[in-house]
């Protein structure tokens, strides 16, 4: 069984970036979280036991108060 990994780009409501950042840090499957400049406010690296579990974690993140929108970049193995 392979692990699942993705990067979740998070847009926050006005004046909630710090709160969202700290709540995202509390999600067990989030291994790294950063505040960023640009179109998105926070980026989180998600690691799960299997690829099929990544969407479940994204839903957890979307339920955090202050999260306005997310975009998920799922990591794929390109090695043959």
Foldseek 3Di string as FASTA:
>chain_A
DAKWKKKKFFAFDPPCLVVLQVVLVPQVQFPDKDADDDPGGMMTMGIGRHNVCVVVSVVVSCPRPGTDDMDMGIDDDPDD
